[in-house]
Amino acid sequence: MTVIIYTFEMSIIKVVDGDAGGYRCEISSKDKNDCSYFDIAVQAVQEETQDNILEAFKRSGGADEDAGELDFSVLLKKREKKQREKSECEEVDVWEILKKAKPCDYEKIAFQYGITDLRGMLKRLKAMKKVEITKSDAFLRKLDSAYSVDKGKRMTMSVEVADPNATVRWLKNGQEIKPSAKYVMESVGNVRSLTINKCNLSDDAAYECVVDDEKCFTELFVKEPPVTITKLLDDVHTVVGEKVEFEVEVSEEGANVKWMKDGVELSKETAGSKYRFKKDGKRHILIINEATKEDIGTYHALTNGGESKAELEVEACQHGPTAASDHSDSYSPQQDDQYRT
């Protein structure tokens, strides 16, 4: 019997970050169908060559490049910096942090890790705790109580079923999920998994895995990436009664920006009509309608990935000869006489 092998290829001509994710290849032949899943990871090109490494060395001798011994301290400092940057980028389980934190720290943690709907998250987690944990005949391992993922990243959640032939259904907020490029479902032995590609804020929801009449629950929290400040605050020098505006630009539209004065947070609830907060795309503006001496101080704009500060100086109004111009309606001929002399 002759076996004919056909080879099919998919080529990506110019790879970009958006090409990263899960892929599926489907094959259909008469009454038979099969599919295969694979992942593509996109990484930045490493351009550090041997010449660059040698340039990182410096000699302990004089100006002559052949003099003295090679000093490795510069290269080691670069390596230490890379290691620090790598450790800072490690995944953080916000749910574990919240479970151990005090309720008074919830808001600060949510701001730091880009959780936009703190109230909704705490409400859902409270409801999760009320779910009665019972022994399951269908599941050998259930879903974790919660998962967290950065916006734009991929998330995989999985269970282990008792019957290797069992069929599972996946639900999001009570609605069944259908397989697609966005949602990839896999079955390997007793393990059933759901992969969500390029997570966005709409994927922040409650999920269920159902086997016959049994089900297990979890929550997925999608975190906003760190927002940086691209345009810093400027110091302001004004006089009493003038309007003041502090403005910053941030890296993402719709980001949360926290305003503070001398270490105290300013908000619509606490500031009353004294301050106004304006958003225009990536621009965030703090407005003081009529400046007074009490407004003198240091103002901060904070995001979960950056900070900027500026000083406000307010002087009293200068009352001098120019003040007469404010009373032009009281003009008299005698005024002309005093300027003719």
C-alpha atoms as a PDB file:
ATOM      1  CA  MET A   1       0.000   0.000   0.000  1.00  0.00           C
ATOM      2  CA  THR A   2       1.388   3.362  -1.039  1.00  0.00           C
ATOM      3  CA  VAL A   3       1.208   6.139   1.530  1.00  0.00           C
ATOM      4  CA  ILE A   4       1.162   9.651   0.131  1.00  0.00           C
ATOM      5  CA  ILE A   5       2.234  12.440   2.461  1.00  0.00           C
ATOM      6  CA  TYR A   6       1.114  15.997   1.760  1.00  0.00           C
ATOM      7  CA  THR A   7       2.860  18.964   3.351  1.00  0.00           C
ATOM      8  CA  PHE A   8       1.116  22.265   3.970  1.00  0.00           C
ATOM      9  CA  GLU A   9       2.806  25.421   5.247  1.00  0.00           C
ATOM     10  CA  MET A  10       1.654  28.722   6.706  1.00  0.00           C
ATOM     11  CA  SER A  11       4.072  31.633   6.351  1.00  0.00           C
ATOM     12  CA  ILE A  12       3.987  34.939   8.207  1.00  0.00           C
ATOM     13  CA  ILE A  13       6.001  37.348   6.070  1.00  0.00           C
ATOM     14  CA  LYS A  14       6.584  40.094   8.649  1.00  0.00           C
ATOM     15  CA  VAL A  15       6.007  39.058  12.256  1.00  0.00           C
ATOM     16  CA  VAL A  16       4.523  41.602  14.668  1.00  0.00           C
ATOM     17  CA  ASP A  17       3.536  41.375  18.339  1.00  0.00           C
ATOM     18  CA  GLY A  18      -0.113  40.810  17.379  1.00  0.00           C
ATOM     19  CA  ASP A  19       0.790  37.489  15.702  1.00  0.00           C
ATOM     20  CA  ALA A  20       1.507  35.882  19.077  1.00  0.00           C
ATOM     21  CA  GLY A  21      -1.166  33.481  20.321  1.00  0.00           C
ATOM     22  CA  GLY A  22      -2.818  30.112  19.781  1.00  0.00           C
ATOM     23  CA  TYR A  23      -3.387  28.679  16.295  1.00  0.00           C
ATOM     24  CA  ARG A  24      -5.365  25.695  14.970  1.00  0.00           C
ATOM     25  CA  CYS A  25      -4.899  23.701  11.766  1.00  0.00           C
ATOM     26  CA  GLU A  26      -7.991  21.778  10.612  1.00  0.00           C
ATOM     27  CA  ILE A  27      -7.944  18.945   8.057  1.00  0.00           C
ATOM     28  CA  SER A  28     -11.041  17.526   6.379  1.00  0.00           C
ATOM     29  CA  SER A  29     -11.087  14.498   4.082  1.00  0.00           C
ATOM     30  CA  LYS A  30     -14.378  12.934   3.027  1.00  0.00           C
ATOM     31  CA  ASP A  31     -16.056  11.942   6.299  1.00  0.00           C
ATOM     32  CA  LYS A  32     -12.967  12.408   8.479  1.00  0.00           C
ATOM     33  CA  ASN A  33     -11.877  15.536  10.323  1.00  0.00           C
ATOM     34  CA  ASP A  34      -8.870  16.252  12.482  1.00  0.00           C
ATOM     35  CA  CYS A  35      -7.180  19.313  13.927  1.00  0.00           C
ATOM     36  CA  SER A  36      -3.925  20.295  15.592  1.00  0.00           C
ATOM     37  CA  TYR A  37      -3.168  23.196  17.930  1.00  0.00           C
ATOM     38  CA  PHE A  38       0.057  25.140  18.278  1.00  0.00           C
ATOM     39  CA  ASP A  39       1.306  28.400  19.782  1.00  0.00           C
ATOM     40  CA  ILE A  40       3.478  31.184  18.379  1.00  0.00           C
ATOM     41  CA  ALA A  41       5.495  33.372  20.742  1.00  0.00           C
ATOM     42  CA  VAL A  42       6.973  36.661  19.496  1.00  0.00           C
ATOM     43  CA  GLN A  43      10.168  37.952  21.108  1.00  0.00           C
ATOM     44  CA  ALA A  44      12.249  41.077  20.532  1.00  0.00           C
ATOM     45  CA  VAL A  45      15.432  40.647  18.475  1.00  0.00           C
ATOM     46  CA  GLN A  46      18.597  40.481  20.555  1.00  0.00           C
ATOM     47  CA  GLU A  47      21.156  42.739  18.894  1.00  0.00           C
ATOM     48  CA  GLU A  48      23.963  42.426  21.387  1.00  0.00           C
ATOM     49  CA  THR A  49      27.011  41.232  19.381  1.00  0.00           C
ATOM     50  CA  GLN A  50      30.504  40.302  20.420  1.00  0.00           C
ATOM     51  CA  ASP A  51      31.690  43.795  19.481  1.00  0.00           C
ATOM     52  CA  ASN A  52      29.088  45.318  21.752  1.00  0.00           C
ATOM     53  CA  ILE A  53      30.207  43.089  24.598  1.00  0.00           C
ATOM     54  CA  LEU A  54      33.864  44.060  24.109  1.00  0.00           C
ATOM     55  CA  GLU A  55      32.866  47.727  24.049  1.00  0.00           C
ATOM     56  CA  ALA A  56      31.265  47.226  27.454  1.00  0.00           C
ATOM     57  CA  PHE A  57      34.669  46.393  28.931  1.00  0.00           C
ATOM     58  CA  LYS A  58      36.997  49.174  30.036  1.00  0.00           C
ATOM     59  CA  ARG A  59      40.641  48.942  30.959  1.00  0.00           C
ATOM     60  CA  SER A  60      42.101  49.928  34.279  1.00  0.00           C
ATOM     61  CA  GLY A  61      45.164  51.522  32.655  1.00  0.00           C
ATOM     62  CA  GLY A  62      45.605  54.838  30.825  1.00  0.00           C
ATOM     63  CA  ALA A  63      44.352  56.022  27.463  1.00  0.00           C
ATOM     64  CA  ASP A  64      46.224  53.319  25.527  1.00  0.00           C
ATOM     65  CA  GLU A  65      43.667  50.641  24.686  1.00  0.00           C
ATOM     66  CA  ASP A  66      46.304  47.908  25.122  1.00  0.00           C
ATOM     67  CA  ALA A  67      47.313  49.124  28.570  1.00  0.00           C
ATOM     68  CA  GLY A  68      46.081  47.767  31.866  1.00  0.00           C
ATOM     69  CA  GLU A  69      43.670  44.918  32.574  1.00  0.00           C
ATOM     70  CA  LEU A  70      40.090  44.463  31.471  1.00  0.00           C
ATOM     71  CA  ASP A  71      37.523  45.734  33.978  1.00  0.00           C
ATOM     72  CA  PHE A  72      34.381  43.554  34.007  1.00  0.00           C
ATOM     73  CA  SER A  73      32.437  45.817  36.391  1.00  0.00           C
ATOM     74  CA  VAL A  74      30.586  47.646  33.587  1.00  0.00           C
ATOM     75  CA  LEU A  75      29.366  44.405  32.013  1.00  0.00           C
ATOM     76  CA  LEU A  76      28.355  43.015  35.401  1.00  0.00           C
ATOM     77  CA  LYS A  77      26.354  46.163  36.164  1.00  0.00           C
ATOM     78  CA  LYS A  78      24.504  45.778  32.855  1.00  0.00           C
ATOM     79  CA  ARG A  79      23.788  42.139  33.640  1.00  0.00           C
ATOM     80  CA  GLU A  80      22.542  43.001  37.135  1.00  0.00           C
ATOM     81  CA  LYS A  81      20.274  45.670  35.625  1.00  0.00           C
ATOM     82  CA  LYS A  82      18.774  43.130  33.198  1.00  0.00           C
ATOM     83  CA  GLN A  83      18.227  40.658  36.029  1.00  0.00           C
ATOM     84  CA  ARG A  84      16.439  43.324  38.075  1.00  0.00           C
ATOM     85  CA  GLU A  85      14.246  44.232  35.096  1.00  0.00           C
ATOM     86  CA  LYS A  86      13.428  40.564  34.560  1.00  0.00           C
ATOM     87  CA  SER A  87      12.443  40.058  38.202  1.00  0.00           C
ATOM     88  CA  GLU A  88      10.218  43.155  38.063  1.00  0.00           C
ATOM     89  CA  CYS A  89       8.342  41.664  35.078  1.00  0.00           C
ATOM     90  CA  GLU A  90       7.514  38.379  36.845  1.00  0.00           C
ATOM     91  CA  GLU A  91       3.839  37.488  37.039  1.00  0.00           C
ATOM     92  CA  VAL A  92       1.987  38.736  40.106  1.00  0.00           C
ATOM     93  CA  ASP A  93      -1.092  36.931  41.428  1.00  0.00           C
ATOM     94  CA  VAL A  94      -3.259  39.858  42.504  1.00  0.00           C
ATOM     95  CA  TRP A  95      -5.910  37.544  43.938  1.00  0.00           C
ATOM     96  CA  GLU A  96      -3.370  36.075  46.386  1.00  0.00           C
ATOM     97  CA  ILE A  97      -2.312  39.595  47.379  1.00  0.00           C
ATOM     98  CA  LEU A  98      -5.918  40.662  47.974  1.00  0.00           C
ATOM     99  CA  LYS A  99      -6.685  37.570  50.060  1.00  0.00           C
ATOM    100  CA  LYS A 100      -3.849  38.464  52.449  1.00  0.00           C
ATOM    101  CA  ALA A 101      -4.461  42.225  52.455  1.00  0.00           C
ATOM    102  CA  LYS A 102      -6.554  44.329  54.808  1.00  0.00           C
ATOM    103  CA  PRO A 103      -9.823  45.723  53.388  1.00  0.00           C
ATOM    104  CA  CYS A 104      -8.484  49.269  53.800  1.00  0.00           C
ATOM    105  CA  ASP A 105      -5.688  48.410  51.328  1.00  0.00           C
ATOM    106  CA  TYR A 106      -7.942  47.028  48.559  1.00  0.00           C
ATOM    107  CA  GLU A 107      -8.233  50.320  46.666  1.00  0.00           C
ATOM    108  CA  LYS A 108      -4.476  50.969  46.730  1.00  0.00           C
ATOM    109  CA  ILE A 109      -3.743  47.436  45.455  1.00  0.00           C
ATOM    110  CA  ALA A 110      -6.340  47.743  42.686  1.00  0.00           C
ATOM    111  CA  PHE A 111      -4.803  51.039  41.512  1.00  0.00           C
ATOM    112  CA  GLN A 112      -1.276  49.609  41.622  1.00  0.00           C
ATOM    113  CA  TYR A 113      -2.122  46.527  39.524  1.00  0.00           C
ATOM    114  CA  GLY A 114      -4.540  48.174  37.086  1.00  0.00           C
ATOM    115  CA  ILE A 115      -7.807  46.618  38.323  1.00  0.00           C
ATOM    116  CA  THR A 116     -10.460  48.992  36.991  1.00  0.00           C
ATOM    117  CA  ASP A 117     -13.579  47.510  38.628  1.00  0.00           C
ATOM    118  CA  LEU A 118     -12.612  46.919  42.264  1.00  0.00           C
ATOM    119  CA  ARG A 119     -16.184  46.950  43.592  1.00  0.00           C
ATOM    120  CA  GLY A 120     -17.339  44.441  40.997  1.00  0.00           C
ATOM    121  CA  MET A 121     -14.352  42.210  41.678  1.00  0.00           C
ATOM    122  CA  LEU A 122     -14.919  42.152  45.459  1.00  0.00           C
ATOM    123  CA  LYS A 123     -18.634  41.508  44.939  1.00  0.00           C
ATOM    124  CA  ARG A 124     -17.911  38.515  42.704  1.00  0.00           C
ATOM    125  CA  LEU A 125     -15.276  37.133  45.053  1.00  0.00           C
ATOM    126  CA  LYS A 126     -17.685  37.401  47.975  1.00  0.00           C
ATOM    127  CA  ALA A 127     -20.261  35.419  45.999  1.00  0.00           C
ATOM    128  CA  MET A 128     -17.634  32.799  45.171  1.00  0.00           C
ATOM    129  CA  LYS A 129     -16.929  32.149  48.836  1.00  0.00           C
ATOM    130  CA  LYS A 130     -20.590  31.269  49.348  1.00  0.00           C
ATOM    131  CA  VAL A 131     -20.419  28.431  46.806  1.00  0.00           C
ATOM    132  CA  GLU A 132     -20.569  25.195  48.792  1.00  0.00           C
ATOM    133  CA  ILE A 133     -17.562  22.931  48.201  1.00  0.00           C
ATOM    134  CA  THR A 134     -18.752  19.328  47.752  1.00  0.00           C
ATOM    135  CA  LYS A 135     -17.046  16.132  46.743  1.00  0.00           C
ATOM    136  CA  SER A 136     -17.191  15.610  43.002  1.00  0.00           C
ATOM    137  CA  ASP A 137     -17.517  12.374  41.060  1.00  0.00           C
ATOM    138  CA  ALA A 138     -16.882  14.021  37.715  1.00  0.00           C
ATOM    139  CA  PHE A 139     -13.802  16.155  38.542  1.00  0.00           C
ATOM    140  CA  LEU A 140     -10.452  14.913  39.820  1.00  0.00           C
ATOM    141  CA  ARG A 141      -9.195  18.504  39.829  1.00  0.00           C
ATOM    142  CA  LYS A 142     -11.409  21.568  39.585  1.00  0.00           C
ATOM    143  CA  LEU A 143     -10.672  25.093  38.379  1.00  0.00           C
ATOM    144  CA  ASP A 144      -8.691  27.380  40.644  1.00  0.00           C
ATOM    145  CA  SER A 145     -10.813  29.824  42.642  1.00  0.00           C
ATOM    146  CA  ALA A 146      -9.547  32.752  40.521  1.00  0.00           C
ATOM    147  CA  TYR A 147      -7.132  33.606  37.733  1.00  0.00           C
ATOM    148  CA  SER A 148      -5.550  36.933  36.791  1.00  0.00           C
ATOM    149  CA  VAL A 149      -3.983  37.968  33.494  1.00  0.00           C
ATOM    150  CA  ASP A 150      -2.554  41.141  31.940  1.00  0.00           C
ATOM    151  CA  LYS A 151      -4.574  42.782  29.191  1.00  0.00           C
ATOM    152  CA  GLY A 152      -3.458  41.509  25.771  1.00  0.00           C
ATOM    153  CA  LYS A 153      -1.950  38.305  27.170  1.00  0.00           C
ATOM    154  CA  ARG A 154      -3.151  34.703  26.874  1.00  0.00           C
ATOM    155  CA  MET A 155      -4.790  32.784  29.718  1.00  0.00           C
ATOM    156  CA  THR A 156      -5.289  29.004  30.027  1.00  0.00           C
ATOM    157  CA  MET A 157      -7.501  27.409  32.678  1.00  0.00           C
ATOM    158  CA  SER A 158      -7.873  23.650  32.998  1.00  0.00           C
ATOM    159  CA  VAL A 159      -9.593  20.840  34.894  1.00  0.00           C
ATOM    160  CA  GLU A 160      -8.981  17.107  35.236  1.00  0.00           C
ATOM    161  CA  VAL A 161     -11.997  14.849  34.758  1.00  0.00           C
ATOM    162  CA  ALA A 162     -12.530  11.331  36.112  1.00  0.00           C
ATOM    163  CA  ASP A 163     -13.693   9.892  32.791  1.00  0.00           C
ATOM    164  CA  PRO A 164     -11.148  10.334  29.950  1.00  0.00           C
ATOM    165  CA  ASN A 165     -14.034  10.188  27.461  1.00  0.00           C
ATOM    166  CA  ALA A 166     -16.094  12.861  29.201  1.00  0.00           C
ATOM    167  CA  THR A 167     -17.269  15.881  27.230  1.00  0.00           C
ATOM    168  CA  VAL A 168     -17.183  19.273  28.928  1.00  0.00           C
ATOM    169  CA  ARG A 169     -18.882  22.591  28.236  1.00  0.00           C
ATOM    170  CA  TRP A 170     -17.375  25.982  29.027  1.00  0.00           C
ATOM    171  CA  LEU A 171     -19.555  28.929  30.060  1.00  0.00           C
ATOM    172  CA  LYS A 172     -18.814  32.644  30.449  1.00  0.00           C
ATOM    173  CA  ASN A 173     -21.234  34.577  32.668  1.00  0.00           C
ATOM    174  CA  GLY A 174     -23.736  31.732  32.148  1.00  0.00           C
ATOM    175  CA  GLN A 175     -23.463  31.699  28.326  1.00  0.00           C
ATOM    176  CA  GLU A 176     -21.868  28.732  26.550  1.00  0.00           C
ATOM    177  CA  ILE A 177     -18.572  29.459  24.772  1.00  0.00           C
ATOM    178  CA  LYS A 178     -18.101  28.220  21.212  1.00  0.00           C
ATOM    179  CA  PRO A 179     -14.633  27.247  19.858  1.00  0.00           C
ATOM    180  CA  SER A 180     -12.984  30.010  17.819  1.00  0.00           C
ATOM    181  CA  ALA A 181      -9.657  31.725  17.288  1.00  0.00           C
ATOM    182  CA  LYS A 182     -10.409  33.647  20.496  1.00  0.00           C
ATOM    183  CA  TYR A 183     -11.421  30.625  22.588  1.00  0.00           C
ATOM    184  CA  VAL A 184      -9.443  27.412  22.057  1.00  0.00           C
ATOM    185  CA  MET A 185     -10.626  24.240  23.821  1.00  0.00           C
ATOM    186  CA  GLU A 186      -8.381  21.205  24.174  1.00  0.00           C
ATOM    187  CA  SER A 187      -8.817  17.635  25.418  1.00  0.00           C
ATOM    188  CA  VAL A 188      -5.694  15.657  26.300  1.00  0.00           C
ATOM    189  CA  GLY A 189      -6.243  12.464  28.328  1.00  0.00           C
ATOM    190  CA  ASN A 190      -8.183  13.459  31.415  1.00  0.00           C
ATOM    191  CA  VAL A 191      -7.282  17.154  31.123  1.00  0.00           C
ATOM    192  CA  ARG A 192      -9.709  19.666  29.617  1.00  0.00           C
ATOM    193  CA  SER A 193      -8.481  23.217  29.070  1.00  0.00           C
ATOM    194  CA  LEU A 194      -9.816  26.545  27.828  1.00  0.00           C
ATOM    195  CA  THR A 195      -7.353  29.071  26.362  1.00  0.00           C
ATOM    196  CA  ILE A 196      -8.399  32.706  25.899  1.00  0.00           C
ATOM    197  CA  ASN A 197      -6.204  34.587  23.425  1.00  0.00           C
ATOM    198  CA  LYS A 198      -5.469  38.309  23.651  1.00  0.00           C
ATOM    199  CA  CYS A 199      -7.505  38.911  26.796  1.00  0.00           C
ATOM    200  CA  ASN A 200      -9.332  42.230  27.028  1.00  0.00           C
ATOM    201  CA  LEU A 201     -11.569  43.817  29.659  1.00  0.00           C
ATOM    202  CA  SER A 202     -14.648  42.033  28.274  1.00  0.00           C
ATOM    203  CA  ASP A 203     -13.005  38.722  29.263  1.00  0.00           C
ATOM    204  CA  ASP A 204     -13.044  39.815  32.910  1.00  0.00           C
ATOM    205  CA  ALA A 205     -15.914  37.539  33.957  1.00  0.00           C
ATOM    206  CA  ALA A 206     -17.123  34.406  35.757  1.00  0.00           C
ATOM    207  CA  TYR A 207     -16.390  31.058  34.047  1.00  0.00           C
ATOM    208  CA  GLU A 208     -17.787  27.540  34.515  1.00  0.00           C
ATOM    209  CA  CYS A 209     -16.749  24.081  33.357  1.00  0.00           C
ATOM    210  CA  VAL A 210     -19.699  21.670  33.141  1.00  0.00           C
ATOM    211  CA  VAL A 211     -19.612  17.864  33.012  1.00  0.00           C
ATOM    212  CA  ASP A 212     -23.119  16.348  32.838  1.00  0.00           C
ATOM    213  CA  ASP A 213     -24.882  17.724  35.943  1.00  0.00           C
ATOM    214  CA  GLU A 214     -21.727  18.817  37.762  1.00  0.00           C
ATOM    215  CA  LYS A 215     -19.899  22.110  37.364  1.00  0.00           C
ATOM    216  CA  CYS A 216     -17.028  24.080  38.853  1.00  0.00           C
ATOM    217  CA  PHE A 217     -16.556  27.843  38.933  1.00  0.00           C
ATOM    218  CA  THR A 218     -13.786  30.410  38.682  1.00  0.00           C
ATOM    219  CA  GLU A 219     -13.219  34.127  38.135  1.00  0.00           C
ATOM    220  CA  LEU A 220     -10.866  35.736  35.628  1.00  0.00           C
ATOM    221  CA  PHE A 221      -9.537  39.207  36.402  1.00  0.00           C
ATOM    222  CA  VAL A 222      -7.972  41.142  33.524  1.00  0.00           C
ATOM    223  CA  LYS A 223      -5.390  43.704  34.636  1.00  0.00           C
ATOM    224  CA  GLU A 224      -4.582  46.890  32.774  1.00  0.00           C
ATOM    225  CA  PRO A 225      -0.901  47.213  31.779  1.00  0.00           C
ATOM    226  CA  PRO A 226       1.200  49.792  33.666  1.00  0.00           C
ATOM    227  CA  VAL A 227       0.283  53.273  32.453  1.00  0.00           C
ATOM    228  CA  THR A 228       3.207  55.689  32.116  1.00  0.00           C
ATOM    229  CA  ILE A 229       3.196  59.485  32.058  1.00  0.00           C
ATOM    230  CA  THR A 230       4.408  60.760  28.678  1.00  0.00           C
ATOM    231  CA  LYS A 231       4.066  64.512  29.411  1.00  0.00           C
ATOM    232  CA  LEU A 232       5.007  65.762  32.874  1.00  0.00           C
ATOM    233  CA  LEU A 233       3.392  68.473  34.986  1.00  0.00           C
ATOM    234  CA  ASP A 234       4.720  72.040  34.818  1.00  0.00           C
ATOM    235  CA  ASP A 235       5.129  74.383  37.804  1.00  0.00           C
ATOM    236  CA  VAL A 236       2.572  77.207  37.929  1.00  0.00           C
ATOM    237  CA  HIS A 237       3.021  80.782  39.242  1.00  0.00           C
ATOM    238  CA  THR A 238      -0.215  82.787  39.439  1.00  0.00           C
ATOM    239  CA  VAL A 239      -2.126  85.411  41.459  1.00  0.00           C
ATOM    240  CA  VAL A 240      -5.156  85.138  43.698  1.00  0.00           C
ATOM    241  CA  GLY A 241      -8.402  84.650  41.801  1.00  0.00           C
ATOM    242  CA  GLU A 242      -6.854  83.276  38.610  1.00  0.00           C
ATOM    243  CA  LYS A 243      -7.753  79.928  37.039  1.00  0.00           C
ATOM    244  CA  VAL A 244      -5.068  77.208  37.293  1.00  0.00           C
ATOM    245  CA  GLU A 245      -4.691  74.070  35.178  1.00  0.00           C
ATOM    246  CA  PHE A 246      -2.294  71.172  35.758  1.00  0.00           C
ATOM    247  CA  GLU A 247      -2.058  68.829  32.770  1.00  0.00           C
ATOM    248  CA  VAL A 248      -0.402  65.457  32.102  1.00  0.00           C
ATOM    249  CA  GLU A 249      -0.496  63.025  29.202  1.00  0.00           C
ATOM    250  CA  VAL A 250      -0.479  59.265  29.744  1.00  0.00           C
ATOM    251  CA  SER A 251       0.341  56.277  27.538  1.00  0.00           C
ATOM    252  CA  GLU A 252      -3.187  54.781  27.412  1.00  0.00           C
ATOM    253  CA  GLU A 253      -6.622  56.288  26.841  1.00  0.00           C
ATOM    254  CA  GLY A 254      -9.160  55.728  29.590  1.00  0.00           C
ATOM    255  CA  ALA A 255      -6.443  55.192  32.218  1.00  0.00           C
ATOM    256  CA  ASN A 256      -6.941  55.969  35.898  1.00  0.00           C
ATOM    257  CA  VAL A 257      -5.013  59.019  37.125  1.00  0.00           C
ATOM    258  CA  LYS A 258      -4.920  59.917  40.807  1.00  0.00           C
ATOM    259  CA  TRP A 259      -4.393  63.563  41.836  1.00  0.00           C
ATOM    260  CA  MET A 260      -2.865  64.539  45.182  1.00  0.00           C
ATOM    261  CA  LYS A 261      -1.951  67.788  46.978  1.00  0.00           C
ATOM    262  CA  ASP A 262       0.746  67.665  49.636  1.00  0.00           C
ATOM    263  CA  GLY A 263       0.224  63.909  50.006  1.00  0.00           C
ATOM    264  CA  VAL A 264      -3.591  64.069  50.314  1.00  0.00           C
ATOM    265  CA  GLU A 265      -5.704  62.591  47.519  1.00  0.00           C
ATOM    266  CA  LEU A 266      -8.066  64.925  45.663  1.00  0.00           C
ATOM    267  CA  SER A 267     -11.376  63.449  44.512  1.00  0.00           C
ATOM    268  CA  LYS A 268     -14.812  64.619  43.468  1.00  0.00           C
ATOM    269  CA  GLU A 269     -16.215  63.444  46.793  1.00  0.00           C
ATOM    270  CA  THR A 270     -13.670  65.224  49.009  1.00  0.00           C
ATOM    271  CA  ALA A 271     -12.729  68.253  46.909  1.00  0.00           C
ATOM    272  CA  GLY A 272     -16.269  69.520  46.335  1.00  0.00           C
ATOM    273  CA  SER A 273     -16.511  72.384  43.836  1.00  0.00           C
ATOM    274  CA  LYS A 274     -12.973  73.594  44.543  1.00  0.00           C
ATOM    275  CA  TYR A 275     -11.382  71.306  41.910  1.00  0.00           C
ATOM    276  CA  ARG A 276     -12.518  69.937  38.581  1.00  0.00           C
ATOM    277  CA  PHE A 277     -11.111  66.862  36.841  1.00  0.00           C
ATOM    278  CA  LYS A 278     -11.120  66.687  33.043  1.00  0.00           C
ATOM    279  CA  LYS A 279     -10.214  63.839  30.642  1.00  0.00           C
ATOM    280  CA  ASP A 280      -9.540  64.348  26.950  1.00  0.00           C
ATOM    281  CA  GLY A 281      -8.149  61.190  25.352  1.00  0.00           C
ATOM    282  CA  LYS A 282      -4.745  60.677  26.920  1.00  0.00           C
ATOM    283  CA  ARG A 283      -4.787  64.145  28.515  1.00  0.00           C
ATOM    284  CA  HIS A 284      -5.785  64.489  32.174  1.00  0.00           C
ATOM    285  CA  ILE A 285      -6.313  67.956  33.644  1.00  0.00           C
ATOM    286  CA  LEU A 286      -6.763  69.217  37.213  1.00  0.00           C
ATOM    287  CA  ILE A 287      -8.531  72.603  37.258  1.00  0.00           C
ATOM    288  CA  ILE A 288      -8.614  75.081  40.170  1.00  0.00           C
ATOM    289  CA  ASN A 289     -11.326  77.614  39.357  1.00  0.00           C
ATOM    290  CA  GLU A 290     -10.097  80.524  41.515  1.00  0.00           C
ATOM    291  CA  ALA A 291      -6.696  80.157  43.149  1.00  0.00           C
ATOM    292  CA  THR A 292      -6.199  81.249  46.756  1.00  0.00           C
ATOM    293  CA  LYS A 293      -3.251  81.269  49.127  1.00  0.00           C
ATOM    294  CA  GLU A 294      -4.553  77.962  50.538  1.00  0.00           C
ATOM    295  CA  ASP A 295      -3.876  76.292  47.169  1.00  0.00           C
ATOM    296  CA  ILE A 296      -0.108  76.815  47.448  1.00  0.00           C
ATOM    297  CA  GLY A 297       1.663  73.449  47.597  1.00  0.00           C
ATOM    298  CA  THR A 298       2.959  70.419  45.720  1.00  0.00           C
ATOM    299  CA  TYR A 299       0.619  68.621  43.334  1.00  0.00           C
ATOM    300  CA  HIS A 300       1.095  65.019  42.141  1.00  0.00           C
ATOM    301  CA  ALA A 301      -0.399  63.069  39.229  1.00  0.00           C
ATOM    302  CA  LEU A 302      -0.055  59.298  39.682  1.00  0.00           C
ATOM    303  CA  THR A 303      -0.718  56.262  37.510  1.00  0.00           C
ATOM    304  CA  ASN A 304       0.010  52.608  38.209  1.00  0.00           C
ATOM    305  CA  GLY A 305       3.258  53.017  36.250  1.00  0.00           C
ATOM    306  CA  GLY A 306       4.415  56.594  36.752  1.00  0.00           C
ATOM    307  CA  GLU A 307       4.326  59.825  38.762  1.00  0.00           C
ATOM    308  CA  SER A 308       4.809  63.545  38.125  1.00  0.00           C
ATOM    309  CA  LYS A 309       4.808  66.531  40.492  1.00  0.00           C
ATOM    310  CA  ALA A 310       4.703  70.318  40.227  1.00  0.00           C
ATOM    311  CA  GLU A 311       4.662  73.338  42.523  1.00  0.00           C
ATOM    312  CA  LEU A 312       1.912  75.974  42.669  1.00  0.00           C
ATOM    313  CA  GLU A 313       2.790  79.495  43.838  1.00  0.00           C
ATOM    314  CA  VAL A 314      -0.002  82.021  44.420  1.00  0.00           C
ATOM    315  CA  GLU A 315       0.676  85.711  45.041  1.00  0.00           C
ATOM    316  CA  ALA A 316      -1.671  88.424  46.232  1.00  0.00           C
ATOM    317  CA  CYS A 317      -3.096  90.788  43.592  1.00  0.00           C
ATOM    318  CA  GLN A 318      -0.909  93.859  42.912  1.00  0.00           C
ATOM    319  CA  HIS A 319      -2.878  97.103  43.529  1.00  0.00           C
ATOM    320  CA  GLY A 320      -1.127 100.076  41.884  1.00  0.00           C
ATOM    321  CA  PRO A 321      -1.743 102.959  39.486  1.00  0.00           C
ATOM    322  CA  THR A 322      -3.186 100.483  36.984  1.00  0.00           C
ATOM    323  CA  ALA A 323      -6.096  99.943  39.323  1.00  0.00           C
ATOM    324  CA  ALA A 324      -7.563 103.283  38.135  1.00  0.00           C
ATOM    325  CA  SER A 325      -8.309 101.686  34.799  1.00  0.00           C
ATOM    326  CA  ASP A 326     -10.843  99.469  36.546  1.00  0.00           C
ATOM    327  CA  HIS A 327     -12.942 102.597  37.365  1.00  0.00           C
ATOM    328  CA  SER A 328     -13.114 104.318  33.968  1.00  0.00           C
ATOM    329  CA  ASP A 329     -16.781 105.154  34.549  1.00  0.00           C
ATOM    330  CA  SER A 330     -15.752 107.701  37.263  1.00  0.00           C
ATOM    331  CA  TYR A 331     -13.712 109.857  34.843  1.00  0.00           C
ATOM    332  CA  SER A 332     -13.514 113.652  35.515  1.00  0.00           C
ATOM    333  CA  PRO A 333     -11.742 116.548  33.692  1.00  0.00           C
ATOM    334  CA  GLN A 334      -9.492 117.082  36.724  1.00  0.00           C
ATOM    335  CA  GLN A 335      -7.786 113.811  35.849  1.00  0.00           C
ATOM    336  CA  ASP A 336      -6.471 115.366  32.616  1.00  0.00           C
ATOM    337  CA  ASP A 337      -5.020 118.326  34.534  1.00  0.00           C
ATOM    338  CA  GLN A 338      -2.836 116.127  36.723  1.00  0.00           C
ATOM    339  CA  TYR A 339      -1.216 114.530  33.667  1.00  0.00           C
ATOM    340  CA  ARG A 340      -0.639 117.854  31.793  1.00  0.00           C
ATOM    341  CA  THR A 341       1.755 119.228  34.421  1.00  0.00           C
END
